[in-house]
Amino acid sequence: MELALKLGQQLRRYILREWLPLLADLKLAIGLLLAIAVCSATGTIIEQDQSLAFYQANYPEHPALFGFLSWRVITRLGLNHVYRTPWFLALLILFGASLAACTWQRQWPLLKVARRWYYYRKPESFQRLATSTLIPQGSLSQLERLLRQRGYWVQRRDEVLYARKGLLGKIGPIVVHASMLLILAGAIWGSLTGFKSQVMIPAGGEGGLGQVVAVGDWGRLPDWRLRVHRFWIDYDPQGRVRQFYTDLGIEEQGEERVRRVISVNHPLSYRGVSFYQADWAISSVVVRINQSPPLRLPVVPIQQNGQSLWGTFIPTRPDLEEGVMLLLPDLQGTGILYDMQGQWLTSLHTGQSWTTPDQKTLWLEQVIGSSGIQIKQDPGIPWVYGGFALLMVGVVMSYVSHNQCWALSRPEGLYVGGKANRAAVVFERELLQILEELQPPHCEPVRTDVLG
């Protein structure tokens, strides 16, 4: 038992003497920060969470990008999901440990020193200050009153006085470090417990949470169902998409818990999961031939000259030997008909009909769109937002000047001096005004360098 205690004490001393100073080293913190920045930039440049076929097509081995960057290198190093790789999380943890060590080793002792009340009891001590002077017949009580009027905290003991203000300037760096630790913790927690998926659901249909794009090691998708009650698009007069909307419902255990209209930049949040309007497509068309019941035909996407179109084949005979091609450029309800040889026939709007050469009437009843929804859960976001808010507060606090004043009453007069860690000119002006008010009438102007 005693041996274990001794080993524990030795280990503790070794950590405090060897590891903490190493972690608190500024060069190490800067190096880690640069490494994190480079890795984050890599994750921004290289597309994240794509399929293996995507990387094989865009990052081939021959020729490899820059001579070495191929899909094998990307997938083996985890560059296709940088922010969830163990080595990136290890960098964040190590950087957080460096910040914590720096706070413990440097910032916290500085704050403890700044909170102490200490006095100068010898005139020689005032010579070390940047601003100091000797005022004959100066009053210590009057100096105390003037300092208090300007917001200083004052302590007086007999013939000595110490005053300070702006202690927030010493607390600011600690708050900045705490905010960065909070941001790092939020990023790590979000990477481990969050997930992202996407799903395409036609209007009037329902589906699960779709295809998982990314999920943390501790993440889990909830067992919910999504129902798209309605999907529509607003177009401007030039026919360009202005905004698209989804009337979305979320079902849990067979019951619809929430229903809301979402649009781009206006997501729905439910139990920590956000649902974003991310994409759209055309899923099917409803047509009718003569007096037939409505036929719902699926469409397929077609790329033509860089433009997205959707097309389907509409049979006009039961044996499917004859028919027309219908192309749809958007959800405005306008289709273009072509014959089987690719010749243009006519344009058709929703609710209109067209008669084929063999006297069959084709009705375009409805164009049904699909809503592309991105589902994302990141439990670390509140931590990150809170950390950034705290960071702004800490930065503002760090700009507060920590001002200190000392005074010593002696038979030859009142010794007064002070210093500030920033805004030294402003502090000297303030101290000079105080000294001028202390100066008895009909005396020479105060000089702040008489002791230097």
Foldseek 3Di string as FASTA:
>chain_A
DVVVVVVVVVVVVCCVVPVLVVLQDPVVLVVLVVVLVVLVVLLVVDAALDDLVVQCVVAPVVCGVVNPHGSVVCVVVVSNHSLQDPVSLVSLVSSLSSLVSNCVPPLVVVLVVLPDDDADADLLVQLVFPFKFFFFPFDPVLLVVLCVVVPWDWDDDVFKIKIKDLSLLSCLVVLLSVLSSLQSVLSNQQSAAKWKAKDKAWAQGKDFRHGTRHGHVNYDDDGKMKHFPDKDFDADPVRHTDKIKTFMFIDDPRRTDDTDIAIAVRWDDDPQKTKHQDDKFWFWFWKDKAPRPIDTGGWDWDADPNAIKTKDWDAPDPVSPFTWMWIGRDQQFKIWIAGPVRHTDDIDGAQDWDADPVGMIMHGHHTIMITMMMMIGRVSVVSNVVSVVSNVVSVVSSPRKMKMKMWGQDNRGIMIGIAIPDPGVVVVVSVLVSVQVSHDPPDDRTDGNPSD
